[in-house]
Every structure is written in C-alpha cells, then in structure tokens.
Amino acid sequence: MVHSETAVADTRRWLERAVVGLNLCPFAKAVLAKQQVHIAVSEADDAQGILAGFARELDALLALEARVRDTTLLVVPQGMADFYSFNELAARAERMVRKRGLEGVVQVAHFHPRFVFAGTEEDDITNCTNRAPYPTLHLLREQSMDRAVAAFPDAAAIYETNMQTLRELGPEGWDALDVGATS
C-alpha cells in the first residue's frame, strides 16, 4: 500500500524533474512556482470510488479562484494498474464533466505509468511524455489553458517537441530522472 504522502512526493518529483525539468508542459512551471497546483490522492481502488473522489476534486477546484488553485492532479496509487482500464475511467471522468455542463470550463488529461499512445509500441520512449508515477487524472481550467496557449508562440508544436526531447533523452536518460513510484 502506498501512503498518501509518498504518492504526493513522487508526483511532485515527477512534476519538477520531468514535466517542468524537460519542459514537457511549458505552462506548468508558472503554476507550480506559484503553488497553484493541488495534488490530491484517492484512497479508492475501484472506478466508482475514484470517480466519487474526482467529483469532489472537481467541485473543490471550481470553488476556488484560479489564483489560489489553478489545476488539480488526482493521484490513484491503489488499483488501476492496467492502462486500458484507467483509460476507460478517464473517459468516464470526461463524461462527468460534460454531464455537469462544464465542458469548456474544465478539461481532463490523464497520465499513467504504462501510458501508450495509439499506434506506438509499449516500449516507445515517446510514451513517457504521458507517464506519471501513478495513474493520475488532471483537472485543468480551460480559461487558464486558453490564456497560456495564446501567450505561447506555437502551442501546436509542443507535442512534436516533446517527442523529440524524449527521443534525444532515451530510455537511460528517462530512467536517470528517477521519476517513478517509490517502492
């Protein structure tokens, strides 16, 4: 069993070393520096419990101003080891956002230790752009994303830049970042 403090510490290390350190998300550095990123941990190990936690985090995010909490990462250290099951859970979380009438207000991104892009092999290094220490649902404010994208010269190029960064880093470089789950 992974303790909540460990899951938060591992996720923060991944954010600092991979997401910000490799500049995989050029928008993450500012919100992390301003302490506007909330990392929550779900103790649930089944879809129903995780989605209940997601609903609570969605409400909590929207109850605060963006300057206080701009984004939330819901980390799921128990269960959801299968990427495809987690992918379906992420789709259900997106449906919840739509059903609540929050499409265009909040978007959901997801990360998983075994993330695989469609059309790639599991060991393709480019999959690491979406690999986190634990399955994670990321709640992003659309308005904040719109502002960040408008300020970024070529937001569409981020994906390709990330793929190139990971290819240059290689598996050994990724492993050296030490951004996995603490055993």
Protein backbone atom coordinates (compact mmCIF):
# COMPACT_ATOMS: atom_id res chain seq x y z
CA MET A 1 0.00 0.00 0.00
CA VAL A 2 1.31 3.42 -0.98
CA HIS A 3 0.87 6.14 1.64
CA SER A 4 -0.66 9.43 0.50
CA GLU A 5 2.46 11.38 1.47
CA THR A 6 4.61 9.11 -0.71
CA ALA A 7 2.23 9.46 -3.67
CA VAL A 8 2.27 13.26 -3.34
CA ALA A 9 6.09 13.37 -3.02
CA ASP A 10 6.57 11.06 -6.01
CA THR A 11 4.13 13.09 -8.11
CA ARG A 12 5.80 16.38 -7.15
CA ARG A 13 9.22 14.93 -8.06
CA TRP A 14 7.82 13.86 -11.47
CA LEU A 15 6.36 17.34 -12.00
CA GLU A 16 9.62 19.05 -11.11
CA ARG A 17 12.04 16.75 -12.93
CA ALA A 18 10.06 15.59 -15.97
CA VAL A 19 7.13 17.89 -16.67
CA VAL A 20 8.91 21.14 -15.78
CA GLY A 21 12.53 19.93 -15.96
CA LEU A 22 12.16 18.64 -19.52
CA ASN A 23 9.67 21.40 -20.36
CA LEU A 24 7.09 18.81 -21.43
CA CYS A 25 4.41 21.33 -20.49
CA PRO A 26 5.63 24.90 -20.91
CA PHE A 27 2.65 26.10 -18.86
CA ALA A 28 3.38 24.02 -15.76
CA LYS A 29 6.37 25.92 -14.40
CA ALA A 30 4.45 29.08 -13.52
CA VAL A 31 1.55 27.38 -11.72
CA LEU A 32 3.95 25.11 -9.85
CA ALA A 33 6.11 28.08 -8.77
CA LYS A 34 3.00 29.99 -7.64
CA GLN A 35 1.84 26.92 -5.68
CA GLN A 36 -1.42 26.79 -7.67
CA VAL A 37 -1.16 23.03 -8.30
CA HIS A 38 -3.15 20.87 -5.90
CA ILE A 39 -2.16 17.22 -5.61
CA ALA A 40 -4.90 15.05 -4.15
CA VAL A 41 -4.69 11.32 -3.53
CA SER A 42 -7.58 8.92 -3.97
CA GLU A 43 -7.59 6.09 -1.45
CA ALA A 44 -10.08 4.22 -3.65
CA ASP A 45 -9.04 1.26 -5.75
CA ASP A 46 -12.19 0.90 -7.88
CA ALA A 47 -13.74 3.06 -10.58
CA GLN A 48 -16.77 4.10 -8.53
CA GLY A 49 -14.67 5.31 -5.59
CA ILE A 50 -12.16 7.07 -7.82
CA LEU A 51 -14.93 8.85 -9.74
CA ALA A 52 -16.51 9.96 -6.45
CA GLY A 53 -13.14 11.46 -5.50
CA PHE A 54 -12.88 13.04 -8.93
CA ALA A 55 -16.28 14.69 -8.42
CA ARG A 56 -15.15 16.08 -5.04
CA GLU A 57 -11.92 17.44 -6.55
CA LEU A 58 -13.85 18.96 -9.45
CA ASP A 59 -16.13 20.79 -7.01
CA ALA A 60 -13.18 21.87 -4.86
CA LEU A 61 -11.30 23.24 -7.88
CA LEU A 62 -14.27 25.28 -9.05
CA ALA A 63 -14.97 26.58 -5.53
CA LEU A 64 -11.63 28.41 -5.54
CA GLU A 65 -10.28 31.17 -7.73
CA ALA A 66 -7.62 30.17 -10.24
CA ARG A 67 -5.05 32.34 -8.46
CA VAL A 68 -5.48 30.06 -5.44
CA ARG A 69 -5.86 26.70 -7.23
CA ASP A 70 -5.35 26.66 -10.96
CA THR A 71 -5.17 22.92 -11.51
CA THR A 72 -5.61 19.64 -9.65
CA LEU A 73 -3.90 16.28 -10.03
CA LEU A 74 -5.89 13.38 -8.60
CA VAL A 75 -3.37 10.60 -8.00
CA VAL A 76 -4.60 6.99 -7.82
CA PRO A 77 -1.89 4.85 -6.18
CA GLN A 78 -4.15 1.82 -5.47
CA GLY A 79 -5.69 -0.13 -8.30
CA MET A 80 -5.90 0.96 -11.94
CA ALA A 81 -2.56 -0.69 -12.77
CA ASP A 82 -3.99 -1.64 -16.17
CA PHE A 83 -3.62 1.29 -18.56
CA TYR A 84 -6.64 0.39 -20.67
CA SER A 85 -8.93 0.19 -17.63
CA PHE A 86 -7.63 3.56 -16.48
CA ASN A 87 -8.14 4.98 -19.96
CA GLU A 88 -11.82 4.00 -19.71
CA LEU A 89 -12.00 5.61 -16.27
CA ALA A 90 -10.59 8.82 -17.74
CA ALA A 91 -13.30 8.74 -20.43
CA ARG A 92 -15.91 8.39 -17.68
CA ALA A 93 -14.41 11.39 -15.86
CA GLU A 94 -14.66 13.40 -19.10
CA ARG A 95 -18.32 12.37 -19.44
CA MET A 96 -18.94 13.56 -15.88
CA VAL A 97 -17.53 16.97 -16.80
CA ARG A 98 -19.86 17.14 -19.83
CA LYS A 99 -22.92 15.95 -17.88
CA ARG A 100 -22.32 18.68 -15.30
CA GLY A 101 -22.29 21.27 -18.07
CA LEU A 102 -18.62 22.05 -17.50
CA GLU A 103 -17.33 21.37 -21.00
CA GLY A 104 -15.34 24.47 -21.90
CA VAL A 105 -14.73 25.17 -18.20
CA VAL A 106 -12.65 22.16 -17.16
CA GLN A 107 -10.82 19.61 -19.24
CA VAL A 108 -9.40 16.29 -18.13
CA ALA A 109 -5.98 14.98 -19.06
CA HIS A 110 -4.61 11.70 -17.80
CA PHE A 111 -1.28 10.11 -17.09
CA HIS A 112 -0.34 6.53 -16.28
CA PRO A 113 2.91 4.66 -15.55
CA ARG A 114 2.19 2.41 -18.55
CA PHE A 115 0.69 5.04 -20.87
CA VAL A 116 0.76 4.02 -24.54
CA PHE A 117 -0.17 6.31 -27.42
CA ALA A 118 -2.28 4.72 -30.13
CA GLY A 119 -0.03 3.38 -32.85
CA THR A 120 3.07 3.05 -30.68
CA GLU A 121 4.72 0.08 -29.03
CA GLU A 122 4.66 -0.07 -25.25
CA ASP A 123 8.43 0.46 -25.01
CA ASP A 124 8.44 3.53 -27.31
CA ILE A 125 10.20 6.28 -25.33
CA THR A 126 7.74 8.91 -26.58
CA ASN A 127 5.05 7.35 -24.38
CA CYS A 128 6.95 8.76 -21.40
CA THR A 129 5.53 12.22 -22.12
CA ASN A 130 2.33 10.94 -20.52
CA ARG A 131 3.80 8.59 -17.94
CA ALA A 132 3.49 9.53 -14.29
CA PRO A 133 4.46 7.56 -11.18
CA TYR A 134 0.80 6.59 -10.60
CA PRO A 135 -2.42 6.74 -12.60
CA THR A 136 -3.42 10.42 -12.47
CA LEU A 137 -6.43 12.45 -13.56
CA HIS A 138 -5.51 16.05 -14.28
CA LEU A 139 -8.24 18.70 -13.97
CA LEU A 140 -7.34 21.83 -15.95
CA ARG A 141 -9.22 25.10 -16.13
CA GLU A 142 -9.98 25.83 -19.78
CA GLN A 143 -9.70 29.60 -19.26
CA SER A 144 -6.18 29.22 -17.86
CA MET A 145 -5.22 26.92 -20.74
CA ASP A 146 -6.62 29.39 -23.28
CA ARG A 147 -4.51 32.20 -21.78
CA ALA A 148 -1.38 30.04 -21.70
CA VAL A 149 -1.83 28.83 -25.28
CA ALA A 150 -2.45 32.39 -26.50
CA ALA A 151 0.82 33.51 -24.89
CA PHE A 152 2.81 30.60 -26.34
CA PRO A 153 4.17 31.22 -29.83
CA ASP A 154 3.44 27.77 -31.28
CA ALA A 155 1.39 25.65 -28.90
CA ALA A 156 0.68 23.09 -31.63
CA ALA A 157 4.40 22.29 -31.77
CA ILE A 158 4.57 21.18 -28.11
CA TYR A 159 3.64 17.58 -28.94
CA GLU A 160 6.35 17.21 -31.59
CA THR A 161 8.93 18.98 -29.43
CA ASN A 162 8.14 16.59 -26.58
CA MET A 163 8.56 13.56 -28.83
CA GLN A 164 11.96 14.85 -29.96
CA THR A 165 13.02 15.64 -26.38
CA LEU A 166 12.22 12.08 -25.28
CA ARG A 167 13.95 10.52 -28.30
CA GLU A 168 17.10 12.52 -27.51
CA LEU A 169 16.87 11.66 -23.80
CA GLY A 170 16.38 7.95 -24.48
CA PRO A 171 15.35 5.25 -22.02
CA GLU A 172 18.54 5.57 -19.97
CA GLY A 173 18.06 9.32 -19.62
CA TRP A 174 14.43 8.86 -18.60
CA ASP A 175 15.42 6.27 -16.00
CA ALA A 176 18.11 8.60 -14.67
CA LEU A 177 15.43 11.23 -13.89
CA ASP A 178 14.13 8.86 -11.19
CA VAL A 179 10.52 9.90 -11.63
CA GLY A 180 8.81 6.59 -10.95
CA ALA A 181 6.88 5.43 -7.93
CA THR A 182 8.85 4.90 -4.75
CA SER A 183 8.78 1.23 -3.80
